[in-house]
C-alpha cells in the first residue's frame, strides 16, 4: 500500500470514531450545547427520567431561538439515539438507580469545542 493510501485509511478510521461522528453531524452544535447544559463541567451521572425531561426542555429552548436543525422525538428517543452513537451510556449507580453519563467520546468532543471556542 502506498504511503498516501495508508494515511487515507488512517484518516478514514479516525472519522469513523464516535467523537468525530458527533462533531461532523449537522446537529452537532445543538447536541454539544445540550450535553454542556445538562452535564455541566463535572459529567456527573443524571437519572434517566431527569435527562429525558431536560433534553425536551433544552430542545424547546433551542427551538425558541429560531434554530431549526434540532433532533426530533421525545427526550427518551433522542437519548437512545445518542446511546447508539456511543455518546451516552446508561448504567446503574451505587443506589441501583438508572443513570446516564457521557462517554469518553462525547467528553472528547466537548473538550475540543471548549478549546476551539475560547477567546
PDB file of N, CA and C in Angstrom:
ATOM      1  N   UNK A   1       0.854  -1.170   0.000  1.00  0.00           N
ATOM      2  CA  UNK A   1       0.000   0.000   0.000  1.00  0.00           C
ATOM      3  C   UNK A   1       0.906   1.241   0.000  1.00  0.00           C
ATOM      4  N   UNK A   2       0.539   2.223  -0.794  1.00  0.00           N
ATOM      5  CA  UNK A   2       1.341   3.446  -0.851  1.00  0.00           C
ATOM      6  C   UNK A   2       1.200   4.227   0.444  1.00  0.00           C
ATOM      7  N   UNK A   3       2.120   5.150   0.645  1.00  0.00           N
ATOM      8  CA  UNK A   3       2.095   5.976   1.858  1.00  0.00           C
ATOM      9  C   UNK A   3       0.814   6.787   1.953  1.00  0.00           C
ATOM     10  N   UNK A   4       0.376   7.376   0.845  1.00  0.00           N
ATOM     11  CA  UNK A   4      -0.830   8.200   0.852  1.00  0.00           C
ATOM     12  C   UNK A   4      -2.075   7.345   1.071  1.00  0.00           C
ATOM     13  N   UNK A   5      -2.098   6.154   0.504  1.00  0.00           N
ATOM     14  CA  UNK A   5      -3.246   5.259   0.715  1.00  0.00           C
ATOM     15  C   UNK A   5      -3.327   4.830   2.177  1.00  0.00           C
ATOM     16  N   UNK A   6      -2.183   4.557   2.781  1.00  0.00           N
ATOM     17  CA  UNK A   6      -2.165   4.202   4.202  1.00  0.00           C
ATOM     18  C   UNK A   6      -2.633   5.351   5.073  1.00  0.00           C
ATOM     19  N   UNK A   7      -2.199   6.557   4.735  1.00  0.00           N
ATOM     20  CA  UNK A   7      -2.623   7.739   5.500  1.00  0.00           C
ATOM     21  C   UNK A   7      -4.113   7.979   5.343  1.00  0.00           C
ATOM     22  N   UNK A   8      -4.624   7.819   4.133  1.00  0.00           N
ATOM     23  CA  UNK A   8      -6.060   7.970   3.898  1.00  0.00           C
ATOM     24  C   UNK A   8      -6.837   6.960   4.728  1.00  0.00           C
ATOM     25  N   UNK A   9      -6.382   5.735   4.792  1.00  0.00           N
ATOM     26  CA  UNK A   9      -7.069   4.710   5.591  1.00  0.00           C
ATOM     27  C   UNK A   9      -7.083   5.098   7.069  1.00  0.00           C
ATOM     28  N   UNK A  10      -5.969   5.632   7.578  1.00  0.00           N
ATOM     29  CA  UNK A  10      -5.909   6.055   8.985  1.00  0.00           C
ATOM     30  C   UNK A  10      -6.875   7.218   9.248  1.00  0.00           C
ATOM     31  N   UNK A  11      -6.912   8.182   8.330  1.00  0.00           N
ATOM     32  CA  UNK A  11      -7.802   9.333   8.499  1.00  0.00           C
ATOM     33  C   UNK A  11      -9.263   8.894   8.430  1.00  0.00           C
ATOM     34  N   UNK A  12      -9.592   8.008   7.486  1.00  0.00           N
ATOM     35  CA  UNK A  12     -10.968   7.497   7.410  1.00  0.00           C
ATOM     36  C   UNK A  12     -11.342   6.771   8.707  1.00  0.00           C
ATOM     37  N   UNK A  13     -10.401   6.027   9.253  1.00  0.00           N
ATOM     38  CA  UNK A  13     -10.646   5.351  10.533  1.00  0.00           C
ATOM     39  C   UNK A  13     -10.931   6.343  11.638  1.00  0.00           C
ATOM     40  N   UNK A  14     -10.190   7.443  11.668  1.00  0.00           N
ATOM     41  CA  UNK A  14     -10.413   8.472  12.688  1.00  0.00           C
ATOM     42  C   UNK A  14     -11.798   9.097  12.530  1.00  0.00           C
ATOM     43  N   UNK A  15     -12.210   9.350  11.284  1.00  0.00           N
ATOM     44  CA  UNK A  15     -13.515   9.967  11.057  1.00  0.00           C
ATOM     45  C   UNK A  15     -14.677   9.028  11.390  1.00  0.00           C
ATOM     46  N   UNK A  16     -14.418   7.750  11.491  1.00  0.00           N
ATOM     47  CA  UNK A  16     -15.487   6.812  11.843  1.00  0.00           C
ATOM     48  C   UNK A  16     -15.627   6.650  13.357  1.00  0.00           C
ATOM     49  N   UNK A  17     -14.748   7.266  14.130  1.00  0.00           N
ATOM     50  CA  UNK A  17     -14.816   7.188  15.589  1.00  0.00           C
ATOM     51  C   UNK A  17     -15.989   8.039  16.093  1.00  0.00           C
ATOM     52  N   UNK A  18     -16.631   7.636  17.193  1.00  0.00           N
ATOM     53  CA  UNK A  18     -17.788   8.368  17.707  1.00  0.00           C
ATOM     54  C   UNK A  18     -17.521   9.845  18.006  1.00  0.00           C
ATOM     55  N   UNK A  19     -16.315  10.202  18.405  1.00  0.00           N
ATOM     56  CA  UNK A  19     -16.027  11.610  18.682  1.00  0.00           C
ATOM     57  C   UNK A  19     -16.225  12.452  17.430  1.00  0.00           C
ATOM     58  N   UNK A  20     -15.656  12.009  16.328  1.00  0.00           N
ATOM     59  CA  UNK A  20     -15.782  12.792  15.096  1.00  0.00           C
ATOM     60  C   UNK A  20     -17.142  12.643  14.441  1.00  0.00           C
ATOM     61  N   UNK A  21     -17.795  11.504  14.603  1.00  0.00           N
ATOM     62  CA  UNK A  21     -19.145  11.398  14.029  1.00  0.00           C
ATOM     63  C   UNK A  21     -20.086  12.363  14.738  1.00  0.00           C
ATOM     64  N   UNK A  22     -19.879  12.576  16.037  1.00  0.00           N
ATOM     65  CA  UNK A  22     -20.690  13.555  16.766  1.00  0.00           C
ATOM     66  C   UNK A  22     -20.426  14.954  16.214  1.00  0.00           C
ATOM     67  N   UNK A  23     -19.178  15.336  16.098  1.00  0.00           N
ATOM     68  CA  UNK A  23     -18.837  16.687  15.665  1.00  0.00           C
ATOM     69  C   UNK A  23     -19.124  16.938  14.184  1.00  0.00           C
ATOM     70  N   UNK A  24     -19.229  15.884  13.416  1.00  0.00           N
ATOM     71  CA  UNK A  24     -19.393  16.026  11.979  1.00  0.00           C
ATOM     72  C   UNK A  24     -20.861  16.095  11.549  1.00  0.00           C
ATOM     73  N   UNK A  25     -21.787  15.863  12.435  1.00  0.00           N
ATOM     74  CA  UNK A  25     -23.197  15.880  12.036  1.00  0.00           C
ATOM     75  C   UNK A  25     -23.760  17.301  12.031  1.00  0.00           C
ATOM     76  N   UNK A  26     -24.818  17.514  11.276  1.00  0.00           N
ATOM     77  CA  UNK A  26     -25.459  18.832  11.154  1.00  0.00           C
ATOM     78  C   UNK A  26     -25.918  19.378  12.497  1.00  0.00           C
ATOM     79  N   UNK A  27     -26.409  18.506  13.357  1.00  0.00           N
ATOM     80  CA  UNK A  27     -26.978  18.934  14.626  1.00  0.00           C
ATOM     81  C   UNK A  27     -25.946  19.025  15.751  1.00  0.00           C
ATOM     82  N   UNK A  28     -24.681  18.897  15.427  1.00  0.00           N
ATOM     83  CA  UNK A  28     -23.624  18.894  16.447  1.00  0.00           C
ATOM     84  C   UNK A  28     -23.677  20.101  17.375  1.00  0.00           C
ATOM     85  N   UNK A  29     -23.860  21.330  16.873  1.00  0.00           N
ATOM     86  CA  UNK A  29     -23.901  22.461  17.805  1.00  0.00           C
ATOM     87  C   UNK A  29     -25.011  22.334  18.851  1.00  0.00           C
ATOM     88  N   UNK A  30     -26.160  21.838  18.430  1.00  0.00           N
ATOM     89  CA  UNK A  30     -27.281  21.681  19.367  1.00  0.00           C
ATOM     90  C   UNK A  30     -26.990  20.556  20.355  1.00  0.00           C
ATOM     91  N   UNK A  31     -26.487  19.433  19.875  1.00  0.00           N
ATOM     92  CA  UNK A  31     -26.191  18.294  20.748  1.00  0.00           C
ATOM     93  C   UNK A  31     -25.133  18.673  21.777  1.00  0.00           C
ATOM     94  N   UNK A  32     -24.061  19.313  21.332  1.00  0.00           N
ATOM     95  CA  UNK A  32     -22.998  19.724  22.249  1.00  0.00           C
ATOM     96  C   UNK A  32     -23.548  20.712  23.276  1.00  0.00           C
ATOM     97  N   UNK A  33     -24.378  21.639  22.840  1.00  0.00           N
ATOM     98  CA  UNK A  33     -24.992  22.612  23.766  1.00  0.00           C
ATOM     99  C   UNK A  33     -25.819  21.903  24.832  1.00  0.00           C
ATOM    100  N   UNK A  34     -26.596  20.917  24.415  1.00  0.00           N
ATOM    101  CA  UNK A  34     -27.430  20.183  25.378  1.00  0.00           C
ATOM    102  C   UNK A  34     -26.553  19.389  26.342  1.00  0.00           C
ATOM    103  N   UNK A  35     -25.524  18.728  25.835  1.00  0.00           N
ATOM    104  CA  UNK A  35     -24.619  17.993  26.722  1.00  0.00           C
ATOM    105  C   UNK A  35     -23.979  18.925  27.737  1.00  0.00           C
ATOM    106  N   UNK A  36     -23.524  20.093  27.293  1.00  0.00           N
ATOM    107  CA  UNK A  36     -22.879  21.045  28.206  1.00  0.00           C
ATOM    108  C   UNK A  36     -23.864  21.540  29.259  1.00  0.00           C
ATOM    109  N   UNK A  37     -25.097  21.851  28.816  1.00  0.00           N
ATOM    110  CA  UNK A  37     -26.096  22.355  29.751  1.00  0.00           C
ATOM    111  C   UNK A  37     -26.518  21.285  30.758  1.00  0.00           C
ATOM    112  N   UNK A  38     -26.704  20.072  30.297  1.00  0.00           N
ATOM    113  CA  UNK A  38     -27.198  19.005  31.170  1.00  0.00           C
ATOM    114  C   UNK A  38     -26.120  18.476  32.113  1.00  0.00           C
ATOM    115  N   UNK A  39     -24.938  18.221  31.585  1.00  0.00           N
ATOM    116  CA  UNK A  39     -23.904  17.562  32.377  1.00  0.00           C
ATOM    117  C   UNK A  39     -22.930  18.533  33.042  1.00  0.00           C
ATOM    118  N   UNK A  40     -22.920  19.772  32.613  1.00  0.00           N
ATOM    119  CA  UNK A  40     -22.027  20.760  33.204  1.00  0.00           C
ATOM    120  C   UNK A  40     -20.571  20.374  33.035  1.00  0.00           C
ATOM    121  N   UNK A  41     -19.753  20.847  33.927  1.00  0.00           N
ATOM    122  CA  UNK A  41     -18.317  20.608  33.839  1.00  0.00           C
ATOM    123  C   UNK A  41     -17.875  19.276  34.414  1.00  0.00           C
ATOM    124  N   UNK A  42     -18.685  18.708  35.300  1.00  0.00           N
ATOM    125  CA  UNK A  42     -18.219  17.530  36.040  1.00  0.00           C
ATOM    126  C   UNK A  42     -18.728  16.196  35.516  1.00  0.00           C
ATOM    127  N   UNK A  43     -19.621  16.198  34.536  1.00  0.00           N
ATOM    128  CA  UNK A  43     -20.150  14.962  33.949  1.00  0.00           C
ATOM    129  C   UNK A  43     -20.670  13.994  35.010  1.00  0.00           C
ATOM    130  N   UNK A  44     -21.368  14.504  35.969  1.00  0.00           N
ATOM    131  CA  UNK A  44     -21.985  13.623  36.976  1.00  0.00           C
ATOM    132  C   UNK A  44     -23.138  12.861  36.344  1.00  0.00           C
ATOM    133  N   UNK A  45     -23.352  11.641  36.785  1.00  0.00           N
ATOM    134  CA  UNK A  45     -24.481  10.859  36.253  1.00  0.00           C
ATOM    135  C   UNK A  45     -25.811  11.573  36.492  1.00  0.00           C
ATOM    136  N   UNK A  46     -26.696  11.442  35.528  1.00  0.00           N
ATOM    137  CA  UNK A  46     -28.027  12.047  35.613  1.00  0.00           C
ATOM    138  C   UNK A  46     -29.059  10.939  35.531  1.00  0.00           C
ATOM    139  N   UNK A  47     -30.015  10.909  36.470  1.00  0.00           N
ATOM    140  CA  UNK A  47     -31.080   9.901  36.388  1.00  0.00           C
ATOM    141  C   UNK A  47     -31.760   9.948  35.014  1.00  0.00           C
ATOM    142  N   UNK A  48     -32.078   8.783  34.487  1.00  0.00           N
ATOM    143  CA  UNK A  48     -32.571   8.703  33.109  1.00  0.00           C
ATOM    144  C   UNK A  48     -33.817   9.557  32.874  1.00  0.00           C
ATOM    145  N   UNK A  49     -34.804   9.452  33.731  1.00  0.00           N
ATOM    146  CA  UNK A  49     -36.034  10.221  33.519  1.00  0.00           C
ATOM    147  C   UNK A  49     -35.751  11.718  33.563  1.00  0.00           C
ATOM    148  N   UNK A  50     -34.839  12.127  34.424  1.00  0.00           N
ATOM    149  CA  UNK A  50     -34.483  13.548  34.527  1.00  0.00           C
ATOM    150  C   UNK A  50     -33.814  14.033  33.240  1.00  0.00           C
ATOM    151  N   UNK A  51     -32.901  13.243  32.685  1.00  0.00           N
ATOM    152  CA  UNK A  51     -32.256  13.666  31.446  1.00  0.00           C
ATOM    153  C   UNK A  51     -33.256  13.712  30.300  1.00  0.00           C
ATOM    154  N   UNK A  52     -34.168  12.763  30.238  1.00  0.00           N
ATOM    155  CA  UNK A  52     -35.192  12.788  29.187  1.00  0.00           C
ATOM    156  C   UNK A  52     -35.952  14.118  29.238  1.00  0.00           C
ATOM    157  N   UNK A  53     -36.336  14.530  30.438  1.00  0.00           N
ATOM    158  CA  UNK A  53     -37.061  15.793  30.615  1.00  0.00           C
ATOM    159  C   UNK A  53     -36.182  16.978  30.258  1.00  0.00           C
ATOM    160  N   UNK A  54     -34.927  16.967  30.717  1.00  0.00           N
ATOM    161  CA  UNK A  54     -34.011  18.068  30.408  1.00  0.00           C
ATOM    162  C   UNK A  54     -33.797  18.213  28.907  1.00  0.00           C
ATOM    163  N   UNK A  55     -33.628  17.106  28.209  1.00  0.00           N
ATOM    164  CA  UNK A  55     -33.418  17.155  26.763  1.00  0.00           C
ATOM    165  C   UNK A  55     -34.618  17.823  26.095  1.00  0.00           C
ATOM    166  N   UNK A  56     -35.821  17.435  26.480  1.00  0.00           N
ATOM    167  CA  UNK A  56     -37.022  18.040  25.897  1.00  0.00           C
ATOM    168  C   UNK A  56     -37.092  19.533  26.200  1.00  0.00           C
ATOM    169  N   UNK A  57     -36.771  19.916  27.445  1.00  0.00           N
ATOM    170  CA  UNK A  57     -36.801  21.340  27.819  1.00  0.00           C
ATOM    171  C   UNK A  57     -35.734  22.133  27.076  1.00  0.00           C
ATOM    172  N   UNK A  58     -34.535  21.588  26.988  1.00  0.00           N
ATOM    173  CA  UNK A  58     -33.451  22.285  26.282  1.00  0.00           C
ATOM    174  C   UNK A  58     -33.768  22.421  24.797  1.00  0.00           C
ATOM    175  N   UNK A  59     -34.335  21.382  24.205  1.00  0.00           N
ATOM    176  CA  UNK A  59     -34.691  21.465  22.786  1.00  0.00           C
ATOM    177  C   UNK A  59     -35.778  22.509  22.544  1.00  0.00           C
ATOM    178  N   UNK A  60     -36.739  22.607  23.461  1.00  0.00           N
ATOM    179  CA  UNK A  60     -37.782  23.639  23.329  1.00  0.00           C
ATOM    180  C   UNK A  60     -37.147  25.025  23.394  1.00  0.00           C
ATOM    181  N   UNK A  61     -36.188  25.203  24.286  1.00  0.00           N
ATOM    182  CA  UNK A  61     -35.498  26.497  24.400  1.00  0.00           C
ATOM    183  C   UNK A  61     -34.687  26.793  23.145  1.00  0.00           C
ATOM    184  N   UNK A  62     -34.029  25.776  22.593  1.00  0.00           N
ATOM    185  CA  UNK A  62     -33.250  25.964  21.362  1.00  0.00           C
ATOM    186  C   UNK A  62     -34.180  26.323  20.209  1.00  0.00           C
ATOM    187  N   UNK A  63     -35.303  25.632  20.098  1.00  0.00           N
ATOM    188  CA  UNK A  63     -36.265  25.940  19.031  1.00  0.00           C
ATOM    189  C   UNK A  63     -36.785  27.371  19.168  1.00  0.00           C
ATOM    190  N   UNK A  64     -36.968  27.834  20.413  1.00  0.00           N
ATOM    191  CA  UNK A  64     -37.462  29.196  20.653  1.00  0.00           C
ATOM    192  C   UNK A  64     -36.486  30.255  20.154  1.00  0.00           C
ATOM    193  N   UNK A  65     -35.216  29.893  19.975  1.00  0.00           N
ATOM    194  CA  UNK A  65     -34.239  30.837  19.427  1.00  0.00           C
ATOM    195  C   UNK A  65     -34.342  30.936  17.917  1.00  0.00           C
ATOM    196  N   UNK A  66     -35.140  30.050  17.312  1.00  0.00           N
ATOM    197  CA  UNK A  66     -35.278  30.039  15.864  1.00  0.00           C
ATOM    198  C   UNK A  66     -34.469  28.949  15.185  1.00  0.00           C
ATOM    199  N   UNK A  67     -33.696  28.204  15.962  1.00  0.00           N
ATOM    200  CA  UNK A  67     -32.901  27.107  15.398  1.00  0.00           C
ATOM    201  C   UNK A  67     -33.854  26.042  14.853  1.00  0.00           C
ATOM    202  N   UNK A  68     -33.596  25.601  13.638  1.00  0.00           N
ATOM    203  CA  UNK A  68     -34.482  24.609  13.020  1.00  0.00           C
ATOM    204  C   UNK A  68     -33.845  23.238  12.900  1.00  0.00           C
ATOM    205  N   UNK A  69     -32.526  23.162  12.970  1.00  0.00           N
ATOM    206  CA  UNK A  69     -31.835  21.877  12.804  1.00  0.00           C
ATOM    207  C   UNK A  69     -31.606  21.242  14.165  1.00  0.00           C
ATOM    208  N   UNK A  70     -32.693  20.678  14.719  1.00  0.00           N
ATOM    209  CA  UNK A  70     -32.635  20.080  16.049  1.00  0.00           C
ATOM    210  C   UNK A  70     -33.101  18.631  15.985  1.00  0.00           C
ATOM    211  N   UNK A  71     -32.627  17.805  16.900  1.00  0.00           N
ATOM    212  CA  UNK A  71     -33.094  16.414  16.929  1.00  0.00           C
ATOM    213  C   UNK A  71     -34.608  16.360  17.154  1.00  0.00           C
ATOM    214  N   UNK A  72     -35.236  15.359  16.560  1.00  0.00           N
ATOM    215  CA  UNK A  72     -36.678  15.190  16.747  1.00  0.00           C
ATOM    216  C   UNK A  72     -36.941  13.964  17.611  1.00  0.00           C
ATOM    217  N   UNK A  73     -38.118  13.931  18.207  1.00  0.00           N
ATOM    218  CA  UNK A  73     -38.517  12.813  19.049  1.00  0.00           C
ATOM    219  C   UNK A  73     -38.595  13.225  20.504  1.00  0.00           C
ATOM    220  N   UNK A  74     -38.958  12.275  21.325  1.00  0.00           N
ATOM    221  CA  UNK A  74     -39.024  12.533  22.758  1.00  0.00           C
ATOM    222  C   UNK A  74     -37.606  12.543  23.339  1.00  0.00           C
ATOM    223  N   UNK A  75     -37.488  13.038  24.543  1.00  0.00           N
ATOM    224  CA  UNK A  75     -36.188  13.005  25.219  1.00  0.00           C
ATOM    225  C   UNK A  75     -35.652  11.592  25.310  1.00  0.00           C
ATOM    226  N   UNK A  76     -36.518  10.648  25.568  1.00  0.00           N
ATOM    227  CA  UNK A  76     -36.108   9.243  25.660  1.00  0.00           C
ATOM    228  C   UNK A  76     -35.595   8.737  24.316  1.00  0.00           C
ATOM    229  N   UNK A  77     -36.337   9.031  23.243  1.00  0.00           N
ATOM    230  CA  UNK A  77     -35.921   8.605  21.901  1.00  0.00           C
ATOM    231  C   UNK A  77     -34.552   9.175  21.540  1.00  0.00           C
ATOM    232  N   UNK A  78     -34.367  10.445  21.830  1.00  0.00           N
ATOM    233  CA  UNK A  78     -33.120  11.121  21.494  1.00  0.00           C
ATOM    234  C   UNK A  78     -31.962  10.534  22.298  1.00  0.00           C
ATOM    235  N   UNK A  79     -32.174  10.305  23.586  1.00  0.00           N
ATOM    236  CA  UNK A  79     -31.123   9.709  24.421  1.00  0.00           C
ATOM    237  C   UNK A  79     -30.757   8.316  23.917  1.00  0.00           C
ATOM    238  N   UNK A  80     -31.731   7.561  23.470  1.00  0.00           N
ATOM    239  CA  UNK A  80     -31.429   6.238  22.928  1.00  0.00           C
ATOM    240  C   UNK A  80     -30.610   6.339  21.646  1.00  0.00           C
ATOM    241  N   UNK A  81     -30.919   7.324  20.797  1.00  0.00           N
ATOM    242  CA  UNK A  81     -30.097   7.538  19.591  1.00  0.00           C
ATOM    243  C   UNK A  81     -28.672   7.918  19.985  1.00  0.00           C
ATOM    244  N   UNK A  82     -28.538   8.740  21.012  1.00  0.00           N
ATOM    245  CA  UNK A  82     -27.212   9.149  21.462  1.00  0.00           C
ATOM    246  C   UNK A  82     -26.448   7.973  22.055  1.00  0.00           C
ATOM    247  N   UNK A  83     -27.162   7.041  22.666  1.00  0.00           N
ATOM    248  CA  UNK A  83     -26.500   5.827  23.155  1.00  0.00           C
ATOM    249  C   UNK A  83     -26.000   4.998  21.970  1.00  0.00           C
ATOM    250  N   UNK A  84     -26.822   4.857  20.940  1.00  0.00           N
ATOM    251  CA  UNK A  84     -26.395   4.110  19.749  1.00  0.00           C
ATOM    252  C   UNK A  84     -25.194   4.778  19.078  1.00  0.00           C
ATOM    253  N   UNK A  85     -25.120   6.108  19.170  1.00  0.00           N
ATOM    254  CA  UNK A  85     -23.987   6.836  18.623  1.00  0.00           C
ATOM    255  C   UNK A  85     -22.751   6.773  19.501  1.00  0.00           C
ATOM    256  N   UNK A  86     -22.879   6.135  20.651  1.00  0.00           N
ATOM    257  CA  UNK A  86     -21.794   5.968  21.625  1.00  0.00           C
ATOM    258  C   UNK A  86     -21.389   7.294  22.267  1.00  0.00           C
ATOM    259  N   UNK A  87     -22.392   8.163  22.510  1.00  0.00           N
ATOM    260  CA  UNK A  87     -22.132   9.438  23.181  1.00  0.00           C
ATOM    261  C   UNK A  87     -22.683   9.436  24.601  1.00  0.00           C
ATOM    262  N   UNK A  88     -23.630   8.563  24.870  1.00  0.00           N
ATOM    263  CA  UNK A  88     -24.195   8.386  26.207  1.00  0.00           C
ATOM    264  C   UNK A  88     -24.126   6.921  26.572  1.00  0.00           C
ATOM    265  N   UNK A  89     -24.000   6.674  27.869  1.00  0.00           N
ATOM    266  CA  UNK A  89     -24.081   5.309  28.370  1.00  0.00           C
ATOM    267  C   UNK A  89     -25.069   5.304  29.535  1.00  0.00           C
ATOM    268  N   UNK A  90     -25.862   4.253  29.611  1.00  0.00           N
ATOM    269  CA  UNK A  90     -26.840   4.101  30.689  1.00  0.00           C
ATOM    270  C   UNK A  90     -26.347   2.978  31.580  1.00  0.00           C
ATOM    271  N   UNK A  91     -26.372   3.230  32.884  1.00  0.00           N
ATOM    272  CA  UNK A  91     -25.916   2.228  33.842  1.00  0.00           C
ATOM    273  C   UNK A  91     -26.668   2.423  35.151  1.00  0.00           C
ATOM    274  N   UNK A  92     -26.340   1.592  36.134  1.00  0.00           N
ATOM    275  CA  UNK A  92     -26.924   1.719  37.470  1.00  0.00           C
ATOM    276  C   UNK A  92     -25.903   2.379  38.384  1.00  0.00           C
ATOM    277  N   UNK A  93     -26.364   3.348  39.172  1.00  0.00           N
ATOM    278  CA  UNK A  93     -25.452   3.957  40.138  1.00  0.00           C
ATOM    279  C   UNK A  93     -25.380   3.087  41.387  1.00  0.00           C
ATOM    280  N   UNK A  94     -24.644   3.548  42.396  1.00  0.00           N
ATOM    281  CA  UNK A  94     -24.432   2.736  43.598  1.00  0.00           C
ATOM    282  C   UNK A  94     -25.708   2.446  44.378  1.00  0.00           C
ATOM    283  N   UNK A  95     -26.751   3.252  44.156  1.00  0.00           N
ATOM    284  CA  UNK A  95     -28.022   3.000  44.845  1.00  0.00           C
ATOM    285  C   UNK A  95     -28.989   2.184  43.992  1.00  0.00           C
ATOM    286  N   UNK A  96     -28.550   1.773  42.796  1.00  0.00           N
ATOM    287  CA  UNK A  96     -29.396   0.971  41.919  1.00  0.00           C
ATOM    288  C   UNK A  96     -30.276   1.777  40.992  1.00  0.00           C
ATOM    289  N   UNK A  97     -30.096   3.100  40.976  1.00  0.00           N
ATOM    290  CA  UNK A  97     -30.878   3.970  40.108  1.00  0.00           C
ATOM    291  C   UNK A  97     -30.240   4.004  38.719  1.00  0.00           C
ATOM    292  N   UNK A  98     -31.070   3.963  37.688  1.00  0.00           N
ATOM    293  CA  UNK A  98     -30.577   4.010  36.317  1.00  0.00           C
ATOM    294  C   UNK A  98     -30.188   5.453  35.969  1.00  0.00           C
ATOM    295  N   UNK A  99     -28.957   5.626  35.461  1.00  0.00           N
ATOM    296  CA  UNK A  99     -28.432   6.956  35.160  1.00  0.00           C
ATOM    297  C   UNK A  99     -27.751   6.961  33.793  1.00  0.00           C
ATOM    298  N   UNK A 100     -27.602   8.173  33.258  1.00  0.00           N
ATOM    299  CA  UNK A 100     -26.824   8.397  32.044  1.00  0.00           C
ATOM    300  C   UNK A 100     -25.532   9.114  32.408  1.00  0.00           C
ATOM    301  N   UNK A 101     -24.475   8.800  31.678  1.00  0.00           N
ATOM    302  CA  UNK A 101     -23.238   9.571  31.720  1.00  0.00           C
ATOM    303  C   UNK A 101     -22.747   9.722  30.287  1.00  0.00           C
ATOM    304  N   UNK A 102     -21.932  10.740  30.091  1.00  0.00           N
ATOM    305  CA  UNK A 102     -21.322  10.934  28.777  1.00  0.00           C
ATOM    306  C   UNK A 102     -20.198   9.926  28.591  1.00  0.00           C
ATOM    307  N   UNK A 103     -20.059   9.421  27.400  1.00  0.00           N
ATOM    308  CA  UNK A 103     -18.948   8.521  27.103  1.00  0.00           C
ATOM    309  C   UNK A 103     -17.670   9.352  26.944  1.00  0.00           C
ATOM    310  N   UNK A 104     -16.552   8.671  26.904  1.00  0.00           N
ATOM    311  CA  UNK A 104     -15.286   9.375  26.686  1.00  0.00           C
ATOM    312  C   UNK A 104     -15.284  10.061  25.318  1.00  0.00           C
ATOM    313  N   UNK A 105     -15.986   9.490  24.347  1.00  0.00           N
ATOM    314  CA  UNK A 105     -16.075  10.099  23.019  1.00  0.00           C
ATOM    315  C   UNK A 105     -16.786  11.453  23.098  1.00  0.00           C
ATOM    316  N   UNK A 106     -17.912  11.495  23.801  1.00  0.00           N
ATOM    317  CA  UNK A 106     -18.649  12.753  23.952  1.00  0.00           C
ATOM    318  C   UNK A 106     -17.825  13.752  24.751  1.00  0.00           C
ATOM    319  N   UNK A 107     -17.142  13.286  25.780  1.00  0.00           N
ATOM    320  CA  UNK A 107     -16.301  14.180  26.576  1.00  0.00           C
ATOM    321  C   UNK A 107     -15.176  14.777  25.733  1.00  0.00           C
ATOM    322  N   UNK A 108     -14.581  13.977  24.851  1.00  0.00           N
ATOM    323  CA  UNK A 108     -13.535  14.490  23.955  1.00  0.00           C
ATOM    324  C   UNK A 108     -14.103  15.562  23.030  1.00  0.00           C
ATOM    325  N   UNK A 109     -15.292  15.325  22.502  1.00  0.00           N
ATOM    326  CA  UNK A 109     -15.926  16.305  21.619  1.00  0.00           C
ATOM    327  C   UNK A 109     -16.194  17.602  22.370  1.00  0.00           C
ATOM    328  N   UNK A 110     -16.698  17.492  23.599  1.00  0.00           N
ATOM    329  CA  UNK A 110     -16.954  18.690  24.402  1.00  0.00           C
ATOM    330  C   UNK A 110     -15.659  19.460  24.672  1.00  0.00           C
ATOM    331  N   UNK A 111     -14.608  18.733  24.985  1.00  0.00           N
ATOM    332  CA  UNK A 111     -13.324  19.370  25.281  1.00  0.00           C
ATOM    333  C   UNK A 111     -12.770  20.073  24.040  1.00  0.00           C
ATOM    334  N   UNK A 112     -12.895  19.451  22.892  1.00  0.00           N
ATOM    335  CA  UNK A 112     -12.421  20.064  21.656  1.00  0.00           C
ATOM    336  C   UNK A 112     -13.196  21.350  21.358  1.00  0.00           C
ATOM    337  N   UNK A 113     -14.498  21.314  21.492  1.00  0.00           N
ATOM    338  CA  UNK A 113     -15.317  22.502  21.254  1.00  0.00           C
ATOM    339  C   UNK A 113     -14.958  23.596  22.257  1.00  0.00           C
ATOM    340  N   UNK A 114     -14.762  23.212  23.498  1.00  0.00           N
ATOM    341  CA  UNK A 114     -14.358  24.172  24.537  1.00  0.00           C
ATOM    342  C   UNK A 114     -13.044  24.841  24.157  1.00  0.00           C
ATOM    343  N   UNK A 115     -12.084  24.042  23.736  1.00  0.00           N
ATOM    344  CA  UNK A 115     -10.774  24.575  23.351  1.00  0.00           C
ATOM    345  C   UNK A 115     -10.907  25.514  22.152  1.00  0.00           C
ATOM    346  N   UNK A 116     -11.686  25.136  21.160  1.00  0.00           N
ATOM    347  CA  UNK A 116     -11.819  25.932  19.950  1.00  0.00           C
ATOM    348  C   UNK A 116     -12.652  27.195  20.171  1.00  0.00           C
ATOM    349  N   UNK A 117     -13.501  27.218  21.200  1.00  0.00           N
ATOM    350  CA  UNK A 117     -14.369  28.372  21.423  1.00  0.00           C
ATOM    351  C   UNK A 117     -13.807  29.362  22.433  1.00  0.00           C
ATOM    352  N   UNK A 118     -12.620  29.095  22.964  1.00  0.00           N
ATOM    353  CA  UNK A 118     -12.007  30.042  23.896  1.00  0.00           C
ATOM    354  C   UNK A 118     -11.611  31.309  23.166  1.00  0.00           C
ATOM    355  N   UNK A 119     -11.711  32.411  23.879  1.00  0.00           N
ATOM    356  CA  UNK A 119     -11.291  33.709  23.298  1.00  0.00           C
ATOM    357  C   UNK A 119      -9.786  33.822  23.302  1.00  0.00           C
TER     358      UNK A 119
END
